[in-house]
Amino acid sequence: MNREFFTARTVGEALAGFRPARRTAVEDVGLAEALHRVPAADIRAPSAMPGFARSTVDGYAIRAADSYGASEGLPSYLDLAGAVRMGAAPTVVVSHGKCVAIPTGAVLPDGADAVVMVEYTAETMPGTIEVTRPVAPGSGLVRADEDAAAGDVLVSAGRPLRAPQLGFLAAAGVTTAAVHARPRVAIVSTGDEVVPPETAVLAAGQVRDATASALAGLVREAGGEPVVAGIVLDDRDALESTLRSALRDADMVVVSAGSSVGARDETAGAVAALGEIWCHGLAIKPGKPTLLAECMGVPLIGLPGNPLSALVVFQLVGVPLVWRLAGAERPPPQPSVRARLSRDLASATGRLDVVQIALRDGVAEPLFGPSALLSVLARADGYLVVPEPATGLDGGTEVEVILYR
């Protein structure tokens, strides 16, 4: 059942309640293509890692008991039995009273249970090593399965892959991963006044479509594949036809500049004809006239007409939805910094306020301007959120600024 227009829902309600079940298909990709992709299932270690006990320091492989009680004043003396070469199996065994020279990363020879750092040793005479500090069993080495035992989960399903995890998989010999495909996000612009960005000369009342390009960038940052579906005039039948076509081929549809209530706004009617409107109105500034719907099993977001409002809403609501479609349990956290607010900020209780911020030497300077102006966003380093219960923030307050990537 369609909800009443502008019975505003909170952003928190939208994130918790508008959760379409759609997920993209699963495909196998190589590690070179897997960054930020979301595994469809846990990826497990095919064998123990690193697979052999190895040294983590340059020094001497010993039996730890042979170092007990050693000090600079009363060192332990060990006979040098040989050396271990990198990339080769040891050819010597460590027995009582013996030691073996070993570099970082080399295989621990049989009989040894610790490695003493070279800094705590000295060769007092050829073939004799002086140890001036005791070590415990396990010191200076990693076990054969310390990184991972065979069958351990290397990477969990539902968590976007980061660069260190790609290295972890490579070390385990895992060179491909079953991941969700990148969500295809169709971007539809509407309005008789909207013209393509390449329009050289604008007629009176015309505006270039800036929002679609910015939305495409946000979609790419979220791991999606933007599909710019073009500009539709303010005509109900034309919009419905365009949306129907986009819904057939996309995992998500975004309608830009068509969700304000007005005489020429046909978006809500076209969407209602194709599916169910979950809400039309969010308690957020800027961005109240936002529409969320599910049509033909595909989530659809109708964004406010003003570019700043549209991008703020998509950052908060659309980006998490793209990640969800791609199989992520939750979007990866955005980088943030703490800064001191330069001035008082007023806010209305019950509404989430998103304020653009310029950062200067640890000071958060709010940026204001009409929501039709993209220059405010272009100058911002990030944004802060004034939560619904707050009536504002005092100047000098330490705030968290979410940074733009």
Protein backbone atom coordinates (compact mmCIF):
# COMPACT_ATOMS: atom_id res chain seq x y z
CA MET A 1 0.00 0.00 0.00
CA ASN A 2 1.37 3.39 -0.96
CA ARG A 3 2.25 5.65 1.93
CA GLU A 4 1.01 9.20 2.12
CA PHE A 5 3.32 11.75 0.47
CA PHE A 6 5.52 13.62 2.91
CA THR A 7 4.62 11.56 5.92
CA ALA A 8 8.34 11.76 6.51
CA ARG A 9 10.31 8.80 7.75
CA THR A 10 13.64 9.25 9.50
CA VAL A 11 16.88 8.29 7.78
CA GLY A 12 17.37 5.62 10.44
CA GLU A 13 13.96 4.15 9.63
CA ALA A 14 14.80 4.16 5.94
CA LEU A 15 18.11 2.37 6.47
CA ALA A 16 16.55 -0.20 8.80
CA GLY A 17 13.19 -0.66 7.08
CA PHE A 18 13.78 -0.24 3.35
CA ARG A 19 15.76 -3.42 2.73
CA PRO A 20 14.97 -4.98 -0.64
CA ALA A 21 15.95 -8.64 -0.93
CA ARG A 22 17.58 -8.28 -4.34
CA ARG A 23 21.26 -9.24 -4.65
CA THR A 24 23.43 -9.31 -7.73
CA ALA A 25 24.55 -12.55 -9.34
CA VAL A 26 27.74 -14.35 -8.29
CA GLU A 27 30.78 -14.53 -10.54
CA ASP A 28 34.38 -15.74 -10.26
CA VAL A 29 37.04 -13.06 -10.64
CA GLY A 30 40.81 -12.98 -10.30
CA LEU A 31 42.45 -11.12 -7.45
CA ALA A 32 43.36 -8.26 -9.80
CA GLU A 33 39.63 -7.58 -10.23
CA ALA A 34 38.51 -8.37 -6.68
CA LEU A 35 39.27 -5.13 -4.80
CA HIS A 36 36.12 -3.88 -3.01
CA ARG A 37 34.09 -6.78 -4.37
CA VAL A 38 31.98 -8.73 -1.86
CA PRO A 39 32.55 -12.49 -1.42
CA ALA A 40 29.39 -14.53 -1.76
CA ALA A 41 30.67 -17.17 0.66
CA ASP A 42 33.43 -17.52 3.24
CA ILE A 43 36.83 -18.10 1.64
CA ARG A 44 38.82 -20.73 3.54
CA ALA A 45 42.48 -21.62 3.71
CA PRO A 46 43.28 -24.70 1.58
CA SER A 47 46.26 -25.49 3.85
CA ALA A 48 48.07 -24.16 6.90
CA MET A 49 49.75 -20.77 6.62
CA PRO A 50 52.62 -20.09 6.38
CA GLY A 51 52.97 -23.87 6.16
CA PHE A 52 56.24 -24.09 8.08
CA ALA A 53 57.65 -22.65 11.27
CA ARG A 54 59.86 -19.69 10.37
CA SER A 55 61.94 -17.00 11.97
CA THR A 56 60.63 -13.47 12.42
CA VAL A 57 64.06 -12.00 13.24
CA ASP A 58 67.66 -12.25 12.14
CA GLY A 59 69.55 -14.28 14.72
CA TYR A 60 70.21 -17.81 15.86
CA ALA A 61 67.85 -20.79 16.14
CA ILE A 62 68.35 -22.43 19.52
CA ARG A 63 66.77 -24.57 22.17
CA ALA A 64 65.26 -22.01 24.54
CA ALA A 65 66.43 -23.96 27.58
CA ASP A 66 70.05 -23.34 26.54
CA SER A 67 69.53 -19.58 27.12
CA TYR A 68 67.95 -19.73 30.56
CA GLY A 69 69.86 -17.60 33.06
CA ALA A 70 71.89 -15.85 30.35
CA SER A 71 72.88 -12.22 30.96
CA GLU A 72 75.51 -9.76 29.83
CA GLY A 73 77.55 -10.55 32.93
CA LEU A 74 77.09 -14.32 32.62
CA PRO A 75 76.29 -15.23 28.99
CA SER A 76 75.47 -18.65 27.59
CA TYR A 77 77.93 -20.08 25.06
CA LEU A 78 76.65 -22.13 22.12
CA ASP A 79 78.48 -23.91 19.33
CA LEU A 80 77.55 -22.68 15.84
CA ALA A 81 76.36 -25.76 13.93
CA GLY A 82 75.66 -24.09 10.58
CA ALA A 83 73.27 -21.74 8.85
CA VAL A 84 69.85 -21.78 7.17
CA ARG A 85 69.49 -20.25 3.70
CA MET A 86 66.39 -18.38 2.57
CA GLY A 87 64.08 -20.40 0.36
CA ALA A 88 65.70 -23.71 1.23
CA ALA A 89 65.06 -26.49 3.71
CA PRO A 90 67.51 -26.61 6.65
CA THR A 91 70.27 -29.18 6.37
CA VAL A 92 71.26 -29.01 10.05
CA VAL A 93 69.58 -29.96 13.32
CA VAL A 94 69.77 -27.98 16.55
CA SER A 95 70.83 -30.12 19.48
CA HIS A 96 71.69 -29.28 23.08
CA GLY A 97 74.39 -26.62 23.27
CA LYS A 98 74.19 -25.85 19.56
CA CYS A 99 72.77 -22.96 17.50
CA VAL A 100 72.15 -22.25 13.82
CA ALA A 101 72.35 -18.84 12.10
CA ILE A 102 69.01 -17.91 10.56
CA PRO A 103 67.64 -14.88 8.65
CA THR A 104 64.16 -13.44 8.95
CA GLY A 105 61.64 -15.60 7.11
CA ALA A 106 63.76 -18.74 6.88
CA VAL A 107 62.58 -22.22 7.91
CA LEU A 108 63.18 -23.12 11.54
CA PRO A 109 65.51 -26.13 11.72
CA ASP A 110 64.51 -29.29 13.56
CA GLY A 111 65.34 -29.29 17.26
CA ALA A 112 65.00 -25.51 17.66
CA ASP A 113 62.07 -23.96 19.55
CA ALA A 114 63.12 -20.28 19.59
CA VAL A 115 65.22 -17.69 17.80
CA VAL A 116 67.38 -15.23 19.69
CA MET A 117 67.88 -11.87 18.01
CA VAL A 118 71.36 -11.15 16.69
CA GLU A 119 71.39 -7.98 18.82
CA TYR A 120 71.61 -10.18 21.92
CA THR A 121 74.47 -12.30 20.68
CA ALA A 122 78.14 -11.97 19.84
CA GLU A 123 80.68 -14.27 18.17
CA THR A 124 83.42 -14.22 20.80
CA MET A 125 85.56 -16.66 18.84
CA PRO A 126 85.12 -18.52 15.55
CA GLY A 127 82.34 -21.09 15.92
CA THR A 128 81.19 -19.94 19.37
CA ILE A 129 78.15 -17.71 19.92
CA GLU A 130 77.63 -15.76 23.13
CA VAL A 131 73.95 -15.27 24.15
CA THR A 132 73.33 -12.39 26.58
CA ARG A 133 69.55 -12.57 27.01
CA PRO A 134 67.25 -15.55 27.70
CA VAL A 135 64.35 -16.40 25.37
CA ALA A 136 61.20 -18.46 25.91
CA PRO A 137 59.99 -21.26 23.64
CA GLY A 138 58.24 -19.71 20.63
CA SER A 139 60.19 -16.44 20.77
CA GLY A 140 61.29 -14.98 17.44
CA LEU A 141 59.24 -17.33 15.26
CA VAL A 142 55.78 -18.09 13.92
CA ARG A 143 54.22 -21.54 13.92
CA ALA A 144 53.35 -23.36 10.72
CA ASP A 145 49.63 -22.57 11.19
CA GLU A 146 49.90 -19.25 13.03
CA ASP A 147 48.50 -17.16 10.16
CA ALA A 148 45.77 -19.72 9.48
CA ALA A 149 45.09 -23.39 9.99
CA ALA A 150 43.78 -25.47 7.11
CA GLY A 151 40.07 -24.73 6.73
CA ASP A 152 40.15 -21.45 8.65
CA VAL A 153 38.10 -18.57 7.23
CA LEU A 154 40.47 -16.16 5.49
CA VAL A 155 37.77 -13.71 4.38
CA SER A 156 34.16 -13.66 5.52
CA ALA A 157 31.19 -13.45 3.17
CA GLY A 158 29.46 -10.09 3.01
CA ARG A 159 32.54 -7.96 3.71
CA PRO A 160 34.07 -5.98 0.82
CA LEU A 161 37.61 -7.09 0.03
CA ARG A 162 40.42 -4.72 1.00
CA ALA A 163 43.97 -4.69 -0.33
CA PRO A 164 45.51 -6.54 2.68
CA GLN A 165 42.93 -9.30 2.27
CA LEU A 166 43.90 -9.74 -1.37
CA GLY A 167 47.48 -10.27 -0.19
CA PHE A 168 46.26 -12.75 2.43
CA LEU A 169 44.41 -14.74 -0.23
CA ALA A 170 47.42 -14.68 -2.53
CA ALA A 171 49.65 -15.98 0.28
CA ALA A 172 47.19 -18.86 0.73
CA GLY A 173 47.33 -19.68 -2.98
CA VAL A 174 43.75 -18.51 -3.54
CA THR A 175 43.85 -16.68 -6.87
CA THR A 176 40.13 -16.40 -7.68
CA ALA A 177 37.11 -15.48 -5.59
CA ALA A 178 33.37 -15.97 -5.98
CA VAL A 179 32.00 -12.46 -5.55
CA HIS A 180 28.80 -10.59 -6.27
CA ALA A 181 28.64 -8.75 -9.58
CA ARG A 182 28.80 -4.98 -9.52
CA PRO A 183 25.25 -3.61 -9.21
CA ARG A 184 24.01 -1.90 -12.35
CA VAL A 185 22.46 1.40 -11.29
CA ALA A 186 20.34 3.17 -13.90
CA ILE A 187 20.28 6.96 -13.49
CA VAL A 188 17.25 8.70 -14.98
CA SER A 189 17.11 12.51 -15.13
CA THR A 190 13.79 14.30 -15.53
CA GLY A 191 12.61 17.80 -16.31
CA ASP A 192 11.72 19.94 -19.32
CA GLU A 193 14.47 22.36 -18.30
CA VAL A 194 17.27 19.76 -18.06
CA VAL A 195 19.66 19.41 -21.01
CA PRO A 196 22.81 17.30 -21.55
CA PRO A 197 26.09 18.62 -20.07
CA GLU A 198 27.60 19.00 -23.53
CA THR A 199 25.01 21.65 -24.45
CA ALA A 200 27.21 24.59 -25.46
CA VAL A 201 24.68 27.41 -25.21
CA LEU A 202 21.77 27.35 -22.78
CA ALA A 203 18.40 28.79 -23.69
CA ALA A 204 16.53 30.82 -21.10
CA GLY A 205 15.48 28.56 -18.19
CA GLN A 206 17.63 25.59 -19.20
CA VAL A 207 20.12 23.88 -16.86
CA ARG A 208 22.77 21.30 -17.65
CA ASP A 209 22.34 17.89 -16.03
CA ALA A 210 25.05 17.99 -13.36
CA THR A 211 23.44 15.60 -10.91
CA ALA A 212 23.66 12.52 -13.13
CA SER A 213 27.44 12.81 -13.48
CA ALA A 214 27.90 13.25 -9.73
CA LEU A 215 25.59 10.32 -8.97
CA ALA A 216 27.55 8.15 -11.38
CA GLY A 217 30.69 8.98 -9.41
CA LEU A 218 29.06 8.00 -6.11
CA VAL A 219 27.85 4.75 -7.65
CA ARG A 220 31.37 3.89 -8.82
CA GLU A 221 32.79 4.69 -5.37
CA ALA A 222 30.27 2.25 -3.90
CA GLY A 223 31.39 -0.50 -6.27
CA GLY A 224 28.47 -0.16 -8.66
CA GLU A 225 28.26 0.27 -12.41
CA PRO A 226 26.37 3.44 -13.35
CA VAL A 227 24.16 3.36 -16.44
CA VAL A 228 23.09 6.84 -17.50
CA ALA A 229 19.62 6.39 -18.97
CA GLY A 230 19.25 9.94 -20.27
CA ILE A 231 16.83 12.80 -19.72
CA VAL A 232 13.05 12.41 -19.73
CA LEU A 233 10.63 15.31 -20.17
CA ASP A 234 7.92 15.97 -17.59
CA ASP A 235 5.52 13.52 -19.18
CA ARG A 236 3.92 10.69 -17.20
CA ASP A 237 3.79 8.18 -20.05
CA ALA A 238 7.35 8.90 -21.22
CA LEU A 239 8.70 8.58 -17.70
CA GLU A 240 6.81 5.36 -17.02
CA SER A 241 8.12 3.86 -20.27
CA THR A 242 11.71 4.86 -19.46
CA LEU A 243 11.48 3.50 -15.93
CA ARG A 244 9.98 0.22 -17.13
CA SER A 245 12.88 -0.25 -19.55
CA ALA A 246 15.47 0.67 -16.91
CA LEU A 247 13.96 -1.72 -14.37
CA ARG A 248 14.34 -4.65 -16.76
CA ASP A 249 18.11 -4.26 -17.04
CA ALA A 250 19.18 -2.65 -13.74
CA ASP A 251 19.66 -3.76 -10.15
CA MET A 252 18.64 -0.31 -8.93
CA VAL A 253 17.08 2.78 -10.49
CA VAL A 254 17.70 6.36 -9.40
CA VAL A 255 15.39 9.12 -10.62
CA SER A 256 17.00 12.53 -10.39
CA ALA A 257 15.02 15.76 -10.15
CA GLY A 258 11.58 14.30 -10.05
CA SER A 259 10.35 13.77 -6.50
CA SER A 260 9.09 17.21 -5.45
CA VAL A 261 5.35 17.60 -5.15
CA GLY A 262 4.24 20.02 -7.84
CA ALA A 263 1.94 20.46 -10.77
CA ARG A 264 4.46 18.94 -13.19
CA ASP A 265 5.86 16.21 -11.00
CA GLU A 266 4.86 12.88 -12.47
CA THR A 267 7.45 10.70 -10.77
CA ALA A 268 5.33 9.37 -7.92
CA GLY A 269 2.48 8.45 -10.23
CA ALA A 270 4.77 6.67 -12.68
CA VAL A 271 6.50 4.78 -9.87
CA ALA A 272 3.20 3.80 -8.23
CA ALA A 273 2.07 2.30 -11.53
CA LEU A 274 5.14 0.06 -11.58
CA GLY A 275 5.46 -1.02 -7.95
CA GLU A 276 5.05 -0.05 -4.31
CA ILE A 277 6.16 3.24 -2.78
CA TRP A 278 7.70 2.59 0.63
CA CYS A 279 7.83 6.25 1.58
CA HIS A 280 7.76 9.70 0.00
CA GLY A 281 9.51 12.04 2.40
CA LEU A 282 12.54 11.81 4.69
CA ALA A 283 13.08 13.85 7.84
CA ILE A 284 16.33 15.29 6.60
CA LYS A 285 17.65 18.67 5.56
CA PRO A 286 18.48 18.99 2.76
CA GLY A 287 16.55 16.27 0.94
CA LYS A 288 13.07 15.91 2.42
CA PRO A 289 11.24 15.15 -0.88
CA THR A 290 12.86 11.71 -1.31
CA LEU A 291 10.96 8.70 -2.62
CA LEU A 292 11.81 5.07 -1.87
CA ALA A 293 10.06 2.29 -3.74
CA GLU A 294 10.40 -1.25 -5.00
CA CYS A 295 9.29 -1.92 -8.57
CA MET A 296 9.44 -5.27 -10.36
CA GLY A 297 11.73 -6.50 -7.56
CA VAL A 298 14.16 -3.61 -8.12
CA PRO A 299 14.74 -0.83 -5.56
CA LEU A 300 14.08 2.69 -6.83
CA ILE A 301 15.07 6.02 -5.31
CA GLY A 302 13.46 9.28 -6.36
CA LEU A 303 15.78 12.14 -5.44
CA PRO A 304 15.04 15.82 -4.87
CA GLY A 305 15.52 18.13 -7.82
CA ASN A 306 18.23 20.30 -6.30
CA PRO A 307 21.70 18.83 -6.88
CA LEU A 308 23.02 19.36 -3.36
CA SER A 309 19.93 17.75 -1.82
CA ALA A 310 20.06 14.84 -4.26
CA LEU A 311 23.69 14.04 -3.56
CA VAL A 312 23.35 14.35 0.22
CA VAL A 313 20.45 11.90 0.23
CA PHE A 314 22.16 9.47 -2.11
CA GLN A 315 25.30 9.53 0.05
CA LEU A 316 23.30 8.63 3.17
CA VAL A 317 20.66 6.27 1.74
CA GLY A 318 21.61 5.33 -1.82
CA VAL A 319 25.23 4.34 -1.25
CA PRO A 320 24.39 1.82 1.53
CA LEU A 321 21.75 0.36 -0.77
CA VAL A 322 24.27 -0.12 -3.59
CA TRP A 323 26.56 -1.97 -1.19
CA ARG A 324 23.63 -4.08 0.01
CA LEU A 325 22.78 -5.08 -3.56
CA ALA A 326 26.43 -6.09 -3.98
CA GLY A 327 26.11 -8.51 -1.07
CA ALA A 328 27.67 -6.41 1.71
CA GLU A 329 26.26 -6.84 5.20
CA ARG A 330 27.01 -3.16 5.79
CA PRO A 331 28.85 -0.50 3.79
CA PRO A 332 32.51 -0.01 4.67
CA PRO A 333 32.97 2.90 7.06
CA GLN A 334 33.86 6.26 5.57
CA PRO A 335 37.00 7.97 6.85
CA SER A 336 36.37 10.68 9.43
CA VAL A 337 38.26 13.18 11.59
CA ARG A 338 37.51 15.05 14.79
CA ALA A 339 37.45 18.83 14.52
CA ARG A 340 36.28 21.85 16.50
CA LEU A 341 33.14 23.55 15.24
CA SER A 342 33.83 27.16 14.30
CA ARG A 343 30.36 28.52 15.05
CA ASP A 344 26.93 27.68 16.47
CA LEU A 345 24.67 25.47 14.36
CA ALA A 346 20.90 25.62 14.72
CA SER A 347 18.77 22.55 14.04
CA ALA A 348 15.17 21.43 14.34
CA THR A 349 14.26 18.57 16.64
CA GLY A 350 13.05 15.50 14.76
CA ARG A 351 15.05 16.25 11.61
CA LEU A 352 18.48 15.03 10.58
CA ASP A 353 20.58 17.98 9.42
CA VAL A 354 23.53 17.33 7.11
CA VAL A 355 25.96 20.25 7.06
CA GLN A 356 28.81 20.59 4.55
CA ILE A 357 32.17 21.30 6.16
CA ALA A 358 35.47 22.86 5.13
CA LEU A 359 38.39 21.80 7.33
CA ARG A 360 41.11 24.27 8.26
CA ASP A 361 43.80 23.34 10.81
CA GLY A 362 41.48 21.21 12.92
CA VAL A 363 38.56 23.63 12.69
CA ALA A 364 35.26 22.63 11.05
CA GLU A 365 33.81 25.56 9.12
CA PRO A 366 30.15 25.05 8.05
CA LEU A 367 29.37 25.89 4.43
CA PHE A 368 25.93 27.23 3.58
CA GLY A 369 24.11 28.07 0.39
CA PRO A 370 20.95 27.27 -1.55
CA SER A 371 20.45 23.58 -2.27
CA ALA A 372 20.51 24.35 -5.99
CA LEU A 373 24.21 25.24 -5.76
CA LEU A 374 26.76 22.50 -6.35
CA SER A 375 29.58 24.87 -5.39
CA VAL A 376 28.85 24.20 -1.71
CA LEU A 377 29.56 20.49 -2.19
CA ALA A 378 32.52 21.14 -4.45
CA ARG A 379 34.20 23.25 -1.74
CA ALA A 380 33.44 20.84 1.11
CA ASP A 381 36.00 18.44 2.57
CA GLY A 382 33.26 16.45 4.25
CA TYR A 383 30.04 16.76 6.22
CA LEU A 384 28.72 16.44 9.74
CA VAL A 385 25.37 15.09 10.85
CA VAL A 386 23.26 16.84 13.48
CA PRO A 387 21.05 14.00 14.84
CA GLU A 388 17.26 14.21 15.03
CA PRO A 389 16.97 14.80 18.81
CA ALA A 390 19.41 17.74 18.80
CA THR A 391 18.33 21.37 18.65
CA GLY A 392 21.75 22.41 17.40
CA LEU A 393 25.45 22.39 18.24
CA ASP A 394 27.47 25.03 20.05
CA GLY A 395 30.51 26.62 18.52
CA GLY A 396 33.69 25.06 19.88
CA THR A 397 32.09 21.62 20.17
CA GLU A 398 34.27 18.76 18.98
CA VAL A 399 32.45 17.07 16.09
CA GLU A 400 33.03 14.13 13.79
CA VAL A 401 33.43 15.16 10.16
CA ILE A 402 32.81 12.42 7.59
CA LEU A 403 35.35 12.91 4.83
CA TYR A 404 34.66 12.73 1.14
CA ARG A 405 36.87 10.23 -0.63
